[in-house]
């Protein structure tokens, strides 16, 4: 569990790379005169900042909780899948018992197991 907390610290590396790239995008925008290119550059810089924020927040979450976001998502999907399997098993077992119960026959010989 403690190892995953340290993995969250590695989020600093891609965050730094994304912010460095956005710096150079903004630096080159200062030198260009084309308005369309400037608008495109600002959009790219904003997307890079958003990506850096997402990566950094995932790293903080990992450090604080000790679980990776992907691990939590997989756990949630597995839990949902197991609930669906249990419900289908229970419904299958109940469907075998329902005809006998509806006709008033509830002795052991008529109920499928």
PDB file of N, CA and C in Angstrom:
ATOM      1  N   UNK A   1       0.827  -1.177   0.000  1.00  0.00           N
ATOM      2  CA  UNK A   1       0.000   0.000   0.000  1.00  0.00           C
ATOM      3  C   UNK A   1       0.875   1.245   0.000  1.00  0.00           C
ATOM      4  N   UNK A   2       1.984   1.236   0.717  1.00  0.00           N
ATOM      5  CA  UNK A   2       2.868   2.382   0.795  1.00  0.00           C
ATOM      6  C   UNK A   2       3.566   2.674  -0.520  1.00  0.00           C
ATOM      7  N   UNK A   3       3.772   1.647  -1.338  1.00  0.00           N
ATOM      8  CA  UNK A   3       4.430   1.834  -2.625  1.00  0.00           C
ATOM      9  C   UNK A   3       3.585   2.693  -3.559  1.00  0.00           C
ATOM     10  N   UNK A   4       2.263   2.508  -3.528  1.00  0.00           N
ATOM     11  CA  UNK A   4       1.393   3.300  -4.390  1.00  0.00           C
ATOM     12  C   UNK A   4       1.411   4.770  -3.993  1.00  0.00           C
ATOM     13  N   UNK A   5       1.631   5.045  -2.732  1.00  0.00           N
ATOM     14  CA  UNK A   5       1.725   6.444  -2.297  1.00  0.00           C
ATOM     15  C   UNK A   5       2.928   7.118  -2.949  1.00  0.00           C
ATOM     16  N   UNK A   6       4.026   6.397  -3.086  1.00  0.00           N
ATOM     17  CA  UNK A   6       5.213   6.958  -3.728  1.00  0.00           C
ATOM     18  C   UNK A   6       5.036   7.110  -5.232  1.00  0.00           C
ATOM     19  N   UNK A   7       4.242   6.245  -5.835  1.00  0.00           N
ATOM     20  CA  UNK A   7       3.992   6.331  -7.272  1.00  0.00           C
ATOM     21  C   UNK A   7       3.320   7.654  -7.613  1.00  0.00           C
ATOM     22  N   UNK A   8       2.489   8.158  -6.697  1.00  0.00           N
ATOM     23  CA  UNK A   8       1.824   9.434  -6.924  1.00  0.00           C
ATOM     24  C   UNK A   8       2.796  10.589  -7.062  1.00  0.00           C
ATOM     25  N   UNK A   9       3.975  10.481  -6.437  1.00  0.00           N
ATOM     26  CA  UNK A   9       4.976  11.538  -6.559  1.00  0.00           C
ATOM     27  C   UNK A   9       5.553  11.627  -7.967  1.00  0.00           C
ATOM     28  N   UNK A  10       5.505  10.530  -8.707  1.00  0.00           N
ATOM     29  CA  UNK A  10       6.013  10.544 -10.078  1.00  0.00           C
ATOM     30  C   UNK A  10       5.126  11.353 -11.016  1.00  0.00           C
ATOM     31  N   UNK A  11       3.965  11.783 -10.557  1.00  0.00           N
ATOM     32  CA  UNK A  11       3.099  12.644 -11.371  1.00  0.00           C
ATOM     33  C   UNK A  11       3.715  14.020 -11.570  1.00  0.00           C
ATOM     34  N   UNK A  12       4.716  14.355 -10.763  1.00  0.00           N
ATOM     35  CA  UNK A  12       5.393  15.645 -10.906  1.00  0.00           C
ATOM     36  C   UNK A  12       6.131  15.718 -12.240  1.00  0.00           C
ATOM     37  N   UNK A  13       6.654  14.599 -12.707  1.00  0.00           N
ATOM     38  CA  UNK A  13       7.447  14.591 -13.942  1.00  0.00           C
ATOM     39  C   UNK A  13       6.590  14.952 -15.162  1.00  0.00           C
ATOM     40  N   UNK A  14       5.471  14.245 -15.451  1.00  0.00           N
ATOM     41  CA  UNK A  14       4.687  14.652 -16.619  1.00  0.00           C
ATOM     42  C   UNK A  14       4.041  16.032 -16.444  1.00  0.00           C
ATOM     43  N   UNK A  15       3.732  16.398 -15.212  1.00  0.00           N
ATOM     44  CA  UNK A  15       3.174  17.730 -14.971  1.00  0.00           C
ATOM     45  C   UNK A  15       4.191  18.795 -15.350  1.00  0.00           C
ATOM     46  N   UNK A  16       5.434  18.603 -14.957  1.00  0.00           N
ATOM     47  CA  UNK A  16       6.494  19.547 -15.291  1.00  0.00           C
ATOM     48  C   UNK A  16       6.722  19.611 -16.791  1.00  0.00           C
ATOM     49  N   UNK A  17       6.701  18.474 -17.461  1.00  0.00           N
ATOM     50  CA  UNK A  17       6.898  18.444 -18.919  1.00  0.00           C
ATOM     51  C   UNK A  17       5.768  19.206 -19.624  1.00  0.00           C
ATOM     52  N   UNK A  18       4.530  18.963 -19.215  1.00  0.00           N
ATOM     53  CA  UNK A  18       3.398  19.646 -19.840  1.00  0.00           C
ATOM     54  C   UNK A  18       3.454  21.156 -19.621  1.00  0.00           C
ATOM     55  N   UNK A  19       3.815  21.569 -18.426  1.00  0.00           N
ATOM     56  CA  UNK A  19       3.905  23.007 -18.150  1.00  0.00           C
ATOM     57  C   UNK A  19       5.077  23.649 -18.886  1.00  0.00           C
ATOM     58  N   UNK A  20       6.170  22.914 -19.069  1.00  0.00           N
ATOM     59  CA  UNK A  20       7.307  23.434 -19.829  1.00  0.00           C
ATOM     60  C   UNK A  20       6.943  23.610 -21.295  1.00  0.00           C
ATOM     61  N   UNK A  21       6.234  22.635 -21.847  1.00  0.00           N
ATOM     62  CA  UNK A  21       5.793  22.751 -23.242  1.00  0.00           C
ATOM     63  C   UNK A  21       4.846  23.936 -23.394  1.00  0.00           C
ATOM     64  N   UNK A  22       3.945  24.122 -22.437  1.00  0.00           N
ATOM     65  CA  UNK A  22       3.019  25.262 -22.529  1.00  0.00           C
ATOM     66  C   UNK A  22       3.767  26.585 -22.429  1.00  0.00           C
ATOM     67  N   UNK A  23       4.842  26.625 -21.655  1.00  0.00           N
ATOM     68  CA  UNK A  23       5.657  27.842 -21.587  1.00  0.00           C
ATOM     69  C   UNK A  23       6.232  28.178 -22.949  1.00  0.00           C
ATOM     70  N   UNK A  24       6.774  27.172 -23.641  1.00  0.00           N
ATOM     71  CA  UNK A  24       7.362  27.430 -24.949  1.00  0.00           C
ATOM     72  C   UNK A  24       6.296  27.782 -25.987  1.00  0.00           C
ATOM     73  N   UNK A  25       5.110  27.217 -25.856  1.00  0.00           N
ATOM     74  CA  UNK A  25       4.008  27.601 -26.757  1.00  0.00           C
ATOM     75  C   UNK A  25       3.659  29.068 -26.542  1.00  0.00           C
ATOM     76  N   UNK A  26       3.548  29.475 -25.298  1.00  0.00           N
ATOM     77  CA  UNK A  26       3.227  30.877 -25.005  1.00  0.00           C
ATOM     78  C   UNK A  26       4.376  31.809 -25.397  1.00  0.00           C
ATOM     79  N   UNK A  27       5.606  31.342 -25.258  1.00  0.00           N
ATOM     80  CA  UNK A  27       6.766  32.148 -25.650  1.00  0.00           C
ATOM     81  C   UNK A  27       6.773  32.396 -27.155  1.00  0.00           C
ATOM     82  N   UNK A  28       6.464  31.361 -27.921  1.00  0.00           N
ATOM     83  CA  UNK A  28       6.435  31.547 -29.378  1.00  0.00           C
ATOM     84  C   UNK A  28       5.235  32.385 -29.810  1.00  0.00           C
ATOM     85  N   UNK A  29       4.179  32.412 -29.015  1.00  0.00           N
ATOM     86  CA  UNK A  29       3.032  33.263 -29.344  1.00  0.00           C
ATOM     87  C   UNK A  29       3.395  34.734 -29.273  1.00  0.00           C
ATOM     88  N   UNK A  30       4.306  35.083 -28.404  1.00  0.00           N
ATOM     89  CA  UNK A  30       4.735  36.481 -28.277  1.00  0.00           C
ATOM     90  C   UNK A  30       5.396  36.969 -29.565  1.00  0.00           C
ATOM     91  N   UNK A  31       6.027  36.063 -30.296  1.00  0.00           N
ATOM     92  CA  UNK A  31       6.792  36.442 -31.481  1.00  0.00           C
ATOM     93  C   UNK A  31       5.972  36.390 -32.768  1.00  0.00           C
ATOM     94  N   UNK A  32       4.791  35.835 -32.714  1.00  0.00           N
ATOM     95  CA  UNK A  32       3.994  35.719 -33.931  1.00  0.00           C
ATOM     96  C   UNK A  32       3.021  36.887 -34.047  1.00  0.00           C
ATOM     97  N   UNK A  33       2.674  37.211 -35.296  1.00  0.00           N
ATOM     98  CA  UNK A  33       1.767  38.327 -35.558  1.00  0.00           C
ATOM     99  C   UNK A  33       0.394  37.877 -36.024  1.00  0.00           C
ATOM    100  N   UNK A  34       0.251  36.633 -36.409  1.00  0.00           N
ATOM    101  CA  UNK A  34      -1.003  36.129 -36.948  1.00  0.00           C
ATOM    102  C   UNK A  34      -2.000  35.889 -35.815  1.00  0.00           C
ATOM    103  N   UNK A  35      -3.171  36.501 -35.924  1.00  0.00           N
ATOM    104  CA  UNK A  35      -4.183  36.377 -34.872  1.00  0.00           C
ATOM    105  C   UNK A  35      -4.729  34.947 -34.766  1.00  0.00           C
ATOM    106  N   UNK A  36      -4.932  34.297 -35.896  1.00  0.00           N
ATOM    107  CA  UNK A  36      -5.438  32.925 -35.883  1.00  0.00           C
ATOM    108  C   UNK A  36      -4.477  31.978 -35.186  1.00  0.00           C
ATOM    109  N   UNK A  37      -3.193  32.179 -35.456  1.00  0.00           N
ATOM    110  CA  UNK A  37      -2.176  31.343 -34.832  1.00  0.00           C
ATOM    111  C   UNK A  37      -2.084  31.624 -33.330  1.00  0.00           C
ATOM    112  N   UNK A  38      -2.263  32.889 -32.945  1.00  0.00           N
ATOM    113  CA  UNK A  38      -2.252  33.231 -31.525  1.00  0.00           C
ATOM    114  C   UNK A  38      -3.422  32.574 -30.792  1.00  0.00           C
ATOM    115  N   UNK A  39      -4.600  32.615 -31.392  1.00  0.00           N
ATOM    116  CA  UNK A  39      -5.775  31.994 -30.768  1.00  0.00           C
ATOM    117  C   UNK A  39      -5.569  30.485 -30.626  1.00  0.00           C
ATOM    118  N   UNK A  40      -5.013  29.869 -31.686  1.00  0.00           N
ATOM    119  CA  UNK A  40      -4.733  28.440 -31.630  1.00  0.00           C
ATOM    120  C   UNK A  40      -3.721  28.119 -30.536  1.00  0.00           C
ATOM    121  N   UNK A  41      -2.697  28.947 -30.404  1.00  0.00           N
ATOM    122  CA  UNK A  41      -1.677  28.746 -29.381  1.00  0.00           C
ATOM    123  C   UNK A  41      -2.246  28.852 -27.973  1.00  0.00           C
ATOM    124  N   UNK A  42      -3.157  29.829 -27.771  1.00  0.00           N
ATOM    125  CA  UNK A  42      -3.769  29.962 -26.452  1.00  0.00           C
ATOM    126  C   UNK A  42      -4.640  28.751 -26.114  1.00  0.00           C
ATOM    127  N   UNK A  43      -5.323  28.209 -27.117  1.00  0.00           N
ATOM    128  CA  UNK A  43      -6.126  27.002 -26.897  1.00  0.00           C
ATOM    129  C   UNK A  43      -5.220  25.819 -26.533  1.00  0.00           C
ATOM    130  N   UNK A  44      -4.118  25.683 -27.263  1.00  0.00           N
ATOM    131  CA  UNK A  44      -3.171  24.594 -26.972  1.00  0.00           C
ATOM    132  C   UNK A  44      -2.588  24.751 -25.570  1.00  0.00           C
ATOM    133  N   UNK A  45      -2.226  25.980 -25.188  1.00  0.00           N
ATOM    134  CA  UNK A  45      -1.675  26.221 -23.852  1.00  0.00           C
ATOM    135  C   UNK A  45      -2.709  25.885 -22.775  1.00  0.00           C
ATOM    136  N   UNK A  46      -3.973  26.267 -23.004  1.00  0.00           N
ATOM    137  CA  UNK A  46      -5.021  25.958 -22.022  1.00  0.00           C
ATOM    138  C   UNK A  46      -5.223  24.450 -21.894  1.00  0.00           C
ATOM    139  N   UNK A  47      -5.190  23.734 -23.006  1.00  0.00           N
ATOM    140  CA  UNK A  47      -5.329  22.272 -22.950  1.00  0.00           C
ATOM    141  C   UNK A  47      -4.146  21.621 -22.235  1.00  0.00           C
ATOM    142  N   UNK A  48      -2.961  22.164 -22.456  1.00  0.00           N
ATOM    143  CA  UNK A  48      -1.784  21.643 -21.746  1.00  0.00           C
ATOM    144  C   UNK A  48      -1.896  21.888 -20.245  1.00  0.00           C
ATOM    145  N   UNK A  49      -2.378  23.058 -19.859  1.00  0.00           N
ATOM    146  CA  UNK A  49      -2.567  23.351 -18.434  1.00  0.00           C
ATOM    147  C   UNK A  49      -3.620  22.423 -17.828  1.00  0.00           C
ATOM    148  N   UNK A  50      -4.699  22.193 -18.575  1.00  0.00           N
ATOM    149  CA  UNK A  50      -5.747  21.289 -18.084  1.00  0.00           C
ATOM    150  C   UNK A  50      -5.205  19.871 -17.924  1.00  0.00           C
ATOM    151  N   UNK A  51      -4.427  19.430 -18.892  1.00  0.00           N
ATOM    152  CA  UNK A  51      -3.820  18.094 -18.792  1.00  0.00           C
ATOM    153  C   UNK A  51      -2.870  18.011 -17.601  1.00  0.00           C
ATOM    154  N   UNK A  52      -2.084  19.048 -17.397  1.00  0.00           N
ATOM    155  CA  UNK A  52      -1.168  19.069 -16.257  1.00  0.00           C
ATOM    156  C   UNK A  52      -1.943  19.033 -14.945  1.00  0.00           C
ATOM    157  N   UNK A  53      -3.051  19.758 -14.900  1.00  0.00           N
ATOM    158  CA  UNK A  53      -3.878  19.761 -13.693  1.00  0.00           C
ATOM    159  C   UNK A  53      -4.456  18.373 -13.413  1.00  0.00           C
ATOM    160  N   UNK A  54      -4.928  17.684 -14.450  1.00  0.00           N
ATOM    161  CA  UNK A  54      -5.478  16.338 -14.278  1.00  0.00           C
ATOM    162  C   UNK A  54      -4.418  15.345 -13.804  1.00  0.00           C
ATOM    163  N   UNK A  55      -3.239  15.410 -14.408  1.00  0.00           N
ATOM    164  CA  UNK A  55      -2.158  14.497 -14.014  1.00  0.00           C
ATOM    165  C   UNK A  55      -1.730  14.781 -12.582  1.00  0.00           C
ATOM    166  N   UNK A  56      -1.591  16.059 -12.246  1.00  0.00           N
ATOM    167  CA  UNK A  56      -1.176  16.425 -10.899  1.00  0.00           C
ATOM    168  C   UNK A  56      -2.219  16.023  -9.859  1.00  0.00           C
ATOM    169  N   UNK A  57      -3.509  16.239 -10.173  1.00  0.00           N
ATOM    170  CA  UNK A  57      -4.551  15.870  -9.211  1.00  0.00           C
ATOM    171  C   UNK A  57      -4.641  14.351  -9.034  1.00  0.00           C
ATOM    172  N   UNK A  58      -4.395  13.588 -10.095  1.00  0.00           N
ATOM    173  CA  UNK A  58      -4.358  12.127  -9.955  1.00  0.00           C
ATOM    174  C   UNK A  58      -3.193  11.706  -9.066  1.00  0.00           C
ATOM    175  N   UNK A  59      -2.053  12.388  -9.195  1.00  0.00           N
ATOM    176  CA  UNK A  59      -0.912  12.098  -8.334  1.00  0.00           C
ATOM    177  C   UNK A  59      -1.194  12.428  -6.879  1.00  0.00           C
ATOM    178  N   UNK A  60      -1.842  13.575  -6.644  1.00  0.00           N
ATOM    179  CA  UNK A  60      -2.196  13.957  -5.269  1.00  0.00           C
ATOM    180  C   UNK A  60      -3.173  12.945  -4.682  1.00  0.00           C
ATOM    181  N   UNK A  61      -4.153  12.526  -5.481  1.00  0.00           N
ATOM    182  CA  UNK A  61      -5.120  11.528  -5.015  1.00  0.00           C
ATOM    183  C   UNK A  61      -4.414  10.226  -4.626  1.00  0.00           C
ATOM    184  N   UNK A  62      -3.445   9.822  -5.431  1.00  0.00           N
ATOM    185  CA  UNK A  62      -2.713   8.588  -5.150  1.00  0.00           C
ATOM    186  C   UNK A  62      -1.899   8.714  -3.868  1.00  0.00           C
ATOM    187  N   UNK A  63      -1.271   9.859  -3.670  1.00  0.00           N
ATOM    188  CA  UNK A  63      -0.469  10.057  -2.460  1.00  0.00           C
ATOM    189  C   UNK A  63      -1.362  10.071  -1.221  1.00  0.00           C
ATOM    190  N   UNK A  64      -2.496  10.748  -1.310  1.00  0.00           N
ATOM    191  CA  UNK A  64      -3.372  10.885  -0.145  1.00  0.00           C
ATOM    192  C   UNK A  64      -4.079   9.573   0.197  1.00  0.00           C
ATOM    193  N   UNK A  65      -4.635   8.904  -0.815  1.00  0.00           N
ATOM    194  CA  UNK A  65      -5.453   7.722  -0.542  1.00  0.00           C
ATOM    195  C   UNK A  65      -4.663   6.416  -0.538  1.00  0.00           C
ATOM    196  N   UNK A  66      -3.575   6.365  -1.266  1.00  0.00           N
ATOM    197  CA  UNK A  66      -2.822   5.120  -1.365  1.00  0.00           C
ATOM    198  C   UNK A  66      -3.333   4.206  -2.461  1.00  0.00           C
ATOM    199  N   UNK A  67      -4.367   4.617  -3.173  1.00  0.00           N
ATOM    200  CA  UNK A  67      -4.928   3.843  -4.279  1.00  0.00           C
ATOM    201  C   UNK A  67      -4.801   4.648  -5.556  1.00  0.00           C
ATOM    202  N   UNK A  68      -4.514   3.961  -6.660  1.00  0.00           N
ATOM    203  CA  UNK A  68      -4.478   4.662  -7.934  1.00  0.00           C
ATOM    204  C   UNK A  68      -5.906   4.864  -8.431  1.00  0.00           C
ATOM    205  N   UNK A  69      -6.157   5.913  -9.207  1.00  0.00           N
ATOM    206  CA  UNK A  69      -7.512   6.122  -9.726  1.00  0.00           C
ATOM    207  C   UNK A  69      -7.997   4.950 -10.589  1.00  0.00           C
ATOM    208  N   UNK A  70      -7.102   4.332 -11.328  1.00  0.00           N
ATOM    209  CA  UNK A  70      -7.476   3.195 -12.160  1.00  0.00           C
ATOM    210  C   UNK A  70      -7.866   2.000 -11.296  1.00  0.00           C
ATOM    211  N   UNK A  71      -7.175   1.816 -10.185  1.00  0.00           N
ATOM    212  CA  UNK A  71      -7.495   0.722  -9.269  1.00  0.00           C
ATOM    213  C   UNK A  71      -8.901   0.903  -8.696  1.00  0.00           C
ATOM    214  N   UNK A  72      -9.241   2.127  -8.338  1.00  0.00           N
ATOM    215  CA  UNK A  72     -10.581   2.394  -7.804  1.00  0.00           C
ATOM    216  C   UNK A  72     -11.650   2.160  -8.861  1.00  0.00           C
ATOM    217  N   UNK A  73     -11.367   2.567 -10.104  1.00  0.00           N
ATOM    218  CA  UNK A  73     -12.336   2.361 -11.173  1.00  0.00           C
ATOM    219  C   UNK A  73     -12.532   0.872 -11.456  1.00  0.00           C
ATOM    220  N   UNK A  74     -11.443   0.121 -11.477  1.00  0.00           N
ATOM    221  CA  UNK A  74     -11.535  -1.321 -11.717  1.00  0.00           C
ATOM    222  C   UNK A  74     -12.270  -2.020 -10.580  1.00  0.00           C
ATOM    223  N   UNK A  75     -12.039  -1.562  -9.358  1.00  0.00           N
ATOM    224  CA  UNK A  75     -12.729  -2.141  -8.207  1.00  0.00           C
ATOM    225  C   UNK A  75     -14.230  -1.894  -8.315  1.00  0.00           C
ATOM    226  N   UNK A  76     -14.611  -0.692  -8.736  1.00  0.00           N
ATOM    227  CA  UNK A  76     -16.029  -0.374  -8.897  1.00  0.00           C
ATOM    228  C   UNK A  76     -16.673  -1.213  -9.991  1.00  0.00           C
ATOM    229  N   UNK A  77     -15.957  -1.394 -11.112  1.00  0.00           N
ATOM    230  CA  UNK A  77     -16.505  -2.208 -12.195  1.00  0.00           C
ATOM    231  C   UNK A  77     -16.626  -3.668 -11.776  1.00  0.00           C
ATOM    232  N   UNK A  78     -15.635  -4.164 -11.034  1.00  0.00           N
ATOM    233  CA  UNK A  78     -15.674  -5.550 -10.578  1.00  0.00           C
ATOM    234  C   UNK A  78     -16.834  -5.755  -9.608  1.00  0.00           C
ATOM    235  N   UNK A  79     -17.059  -4.791  -8.735  1.00  0.00           N
ATOM    236  CA  UNK A  79     -18.153  -4.884  -7.779  1.00  0.00           C
ATOM    237  C   UNK A  79     -19.495  -4.921  -8.504  1.00  0.00           C
ATOM    238  N   UNK A  80     -19.657  -4.058  -9.511  1.00  0.00           N
ATOM    239  CA  UNK A  80     -20.879  -4.035 -10.298  1.00  0.00           C
ATOM    240  C   UNK A  80     -21.069  -5.355 -11.041  1.00  0.00           C
ATOM    241  N   UNK A  81     -19.991  -5.866 -11.619  1.00  0.00           N
ATOM    242  CA  UNK A  81     -20.063  -7.123 -12.358  1.00  0.00           C
ATOM    243  C   UNK A  81     -20.435  -8.278 -11.434  1.00  0.00           C
ATOM    244  N   UNK A  82     -19.866  -8.300 -10.245  1.00  0.00           N
ATOM    245  CA  UNK A  82     -20.186  -9.366  -9.300  1.00  0.00           C
ATOM    246  C   UNK A  82     -21.642  -9.278  -8.838  1.00  0.00           C
ATOM    247  N   UNK A  83     -22.139  -8.063  -8.643  1.00  0.00           N
ATOM    248  CA  UNK A  83     -23.541  -7.908  -8.249  1.00  0.00           C
ATOM    249  C   UNK A  83     -24.463  -8.413  -9.354  1.00  0.00           C
ATOM    250  N   UNK A  84     -24.134  -8.103 -10.598  1.00  0.00           N
ATOM    251  CA  UNK A  84     -24.954  -8.583 -11.714  1.00  0.00           C
ATOM    252  C   UNK A  84     -24.933 -10.097 -11.790  1.00  0.00           C
ATOM    253  N   UNK A  85     -23.754 -10.697 -11.558  1.00  0.00           N
ATOM    254  CA  UNK A  85     -23.664 -12.161 -11.596  1.00  0.00           C
ATOM    255  C   UNK A  85     -24.488 -12.789 -10.487  1.00  0.00           C
ATOM    256  N   UNK A  86     -24.423 -12.200  -9.303  1.00  0.00           N
ATOM    257  CA  UNK A  86     -25.178 -12.746  -8.180  1.00  0.00           C
ATOM    258  C   UNK A  86     -26.681 -12.612  -8.416  1.00  0.00           C
ATOM    259  N   UNK A  87     -27.104 -11.478  -8.977  1.00  0.00           N
ATOM    260  CA  UNK A  87     -28.521 -11.293  -9.255  1.00  0.00           C
ATOM    261  C   UNK A  87     -29.002 -12.282 -10.305  1.00  0.00           C
ATOM    262  N   UNK A  88     -28.191 -12.522 -11.341  1.00  0.00           N
ATOM    263  CA  UNK A  88     -28.612 -13.466 -12.374  1.00  0.00           C
ATOM    264  C   UNK A  88     -28.640 -14.892 -11.831  1.00  0.00           C
ATOM    265  N   UNK A  89     -27.708 -15.246 -10.942  1.00  0.00           N
ATOM    266  CA  UNK A  89     -27.723 -16.575 -10.326  1.00  0.00           C
ATOM    267  C   UNK A  89     -28.954 -16.748  -9.449  1.00  0.00           C
ATOM    268  N   UNK A  90     -29.257 -15.703  -8.680  1.00  0.00           N
ATOM    269  CA  UNK A  90     -30.410 -15.780  -7.793  1.00  0.00           C
ATOM    270  C   UNK A  90     -31.702 -15.845  -8.598  1.00  0.00           C
ATOM    271  N   UNK A  91     -31.772 -15.085  -9.679  1.00  0.00           N
ATOM    272  CA  UNK A  91     -32.969 -15.126 -10.511  1.00  0.00           C
ATOM    273  C   UNK A  91     -33.112 -16.478 -11.197  1.00  0.00           C
ATOM    274  N   UNK A  92     -31.978 -17.056 -11.609  1.00  0.00           N
ATOM    275  CA  UNK A  92     -32.016 -18.378 -12.230  1.00  0.00           C
ATOM    276  C   UNK A  92     -32.475 -19.443 -11.256  1.00  0.00           C
ATOM    277  N   UNK A  93     -31.997 -19.353 -10.026  1.00  0.00           N
ATOM    278  CA  UNK A  93     -32.401 -20.321  -9.009  1.00  0.00           C
ATOM    279  C   UNK A  93     -33.862 -20.133  -8.646  1.00  0.00           C
ATOM    280  N   UNK A  94     -34.304 -18.900  -8.580  1.00  0.00           N
ATOM    281  CA  UNK A  94     -35.698 -18.626  -8.240  1.00  0.00           C
ATOM    282  C   UNK A  94     -36.651 -19.071  -9.351  1.00  0.00           C
ATOM    283  N   UNK A  95     -36.204 -18.953 -10.602  1.00  0.00           N
ATOM    284  CA  UNK A  95     -37.100 -19.343 -11.688  1.00  0.00           C
ATOM    285  C   UNK A  95     -37.355 -20.849 -11.677  1.00  0.00           C
ATOM    286  N   UNK A  96     -36.402 -21.638 -11.188  1.00  0.00           N
ATOM    287  CA  UNK A  96     -36.609 -23.070 -11.069  1.00  0.00           C
ATOM    288  C   UNK A  96     -37.586 -23.413  -9.961  1.00  0.00           C
ATOM    289  N   UNK A  97     -37.682 -22.604  -8.944  1.00  0.00           N
ATOM    290  CA  UNK A  97     -38.557 -22.870  -7.815  1.00  0.00           C
ATOM    291  C   UNK A  97     -39.952 -22.283  -8.018  1.00  0.00           C
ATOM    292  N   UNK A  98     -40.094 -21.260  -8.812  1.00  0.00           N
ATOM    293  CA  UNK A  98     -41.362 -20.551  -8.934  1.00  0.00           C
ATOM    294  C   UNK A  98     -42.517 -21.403  -9.451  1.00  0.00           C
ATOM    295  N   UNK A  99     -42.361 -22.232 -10.507  1.00  0.00           N
ATOM    296  CA  UNK A  99     -43.519 -23.009 -10.965  1.00  0.00           C
ATOM    297  C   UNK A  99     -44.055 -23.957  -9.893  1.00  0.00           C
ATOM    298  N   UNK A 100     -43.170 -24.590  -9.131  1.00  0.00           N
ATOM    299  CA  UNK A 100     -43.619 -25.512  -8.085  1.00  0.00           C
ATOM    300  C   UNK A 100     -44.322 -24.758  -6.972  1.00  0.00           C
ATOM    301  N   UNK A 101     -43.823 -23.561  -6.645  1.00  0.00           N
ATOM    302  CA  UNK A 101     -44.435 -22.778  -5.575  1.00  0.00           C
ATOM    303  C   UNK A 101     -45.801 -22.247  -5.998  1.00  0.00           C
ATOM    304  N   UNK A 102     -45.959 -21.934  -7.272  1.00  0.00           N
ATOM    305  CA  UNK A 102     -47.217 -21.366  -7.746  1.00  0.00           C
ATOM    306  C   UNK A 102     -48.336 -22.409  -7.708  1.00  0.00           C
ATOM    307  N   UNK A 103     -47.992 -23.687  -7.840  1.00  0.00           N
ATOM    308  CA  UNK A 103     -49.003 -24.729  -7.844  1.00  0.00           C
ATOM    309  C   UNK A 103     -49.213 -25.323  -6.451  1.00  0.00           C
ATOM    310  N   UNK A 104     -48.612 -24.757  -5.441  1.00  0.00           N
ATOM    311  CA  UNK A 104     -48.802 -25.222  -4.081  1.00  0.00           C
ATOM    312  C   UNK A 104     -47.968 -26.427  -3.723  1.00  0.00           C
ATOM    313  N   UNK A 105     -47.076 -26.830  -4.592  1.00  0.00           N
ATOM    314  CA  UNK A 105     -46.224 -27.984  -4.315  1.00  0.00           C
ATOM    315  C   UNK A 105     -44.890 -27.462  -3.808  1.00  0.00           C
ATOM    316  N   UNK A 106     -44.635 -27.636  -2.577  1.00  0.00           N
ATOM    317  CA  UNK A 106     -43.380 -27.118  -2.011  1.00  0.00           C
ATOM    318  C   UNK A 106     -42.552 -28.203  -1.351  1.00  0.00           C
ATOM    319  N   UNK A 107     -42.873 -29.482  -1.627  1.00  0.00           N
ATOM    320  CA  UNK A 107     -42.049 -30.530  -1.042  1.00  0.00           C
ATOM    321  C   UNK A 107     -40.721 -30.624  -1.784  1.00  0.00           C
ATOM    322  N   UNK A 108     -39.761 -31.285  -1.200  1.00  0.00           N
ATOM    323  CA  UNK A 108     -38.398 -31.307  -1.707  1.00  0.00           C
ATOM    324  C   UNK A 108     -38.276 -31.946  -3.088  1.00  0.00           C
ATOM    325  N   UNK A 109     -39.165 -32.818  -3.452  1.00  0.00           N
ATOM    326  CA  UNK A 109     -39.041 -33.528  -4.730  1.00  0.00           C
ATOM    327  C   UNK A 109     -39.383 -32.646  -5.911  1.00  0.00           C
ATOM    328  N   UNK A 110     -40.190 -31.613  -5.750  1.00  0.00           N
ATOM    329  CA  UNK A 110     -40.583 -30.780  -6.897  1.00  0.00           C
ATOM    330  C   UNK A 110     -39.731 -29.534  -7.053  1.00  0.00           C
ATOM    331  N   UNK A 111     -38.957 -29.158  -6.065  1.00  0.00           N
ATOM    332  CA  UNK A 111     -38.136 -27.960  -6.149  1.00  0.00           C
ATOM    333  C   UNK A 111     -36.776 -28.332  -6.689  1.00  0.00           C
ATOM    334  N   UNK A 112     -36.382 -27.668  -7.792  1.00  0.00           N
ATOM    335  CA  UNK A 112     -35.057 -27.906  -8.393  1.00  0.00           C
ATOM    336  C   UNK A 112     -34.017 -27.215  -7.559  1.00  0.00           C
ATOM    337  N   UNK A 113     -32.865 -27.829  -7.449  1.00  0.00           N
ATOM    338  CA  UNK A 113     -31.790 -27.191  -6.688  1.00  0.00           C
ATOM    339  C   UNK A 113     -30.576 -27.006  -7.538  1.00  0.00           C
TER     340      UNK A 113
END
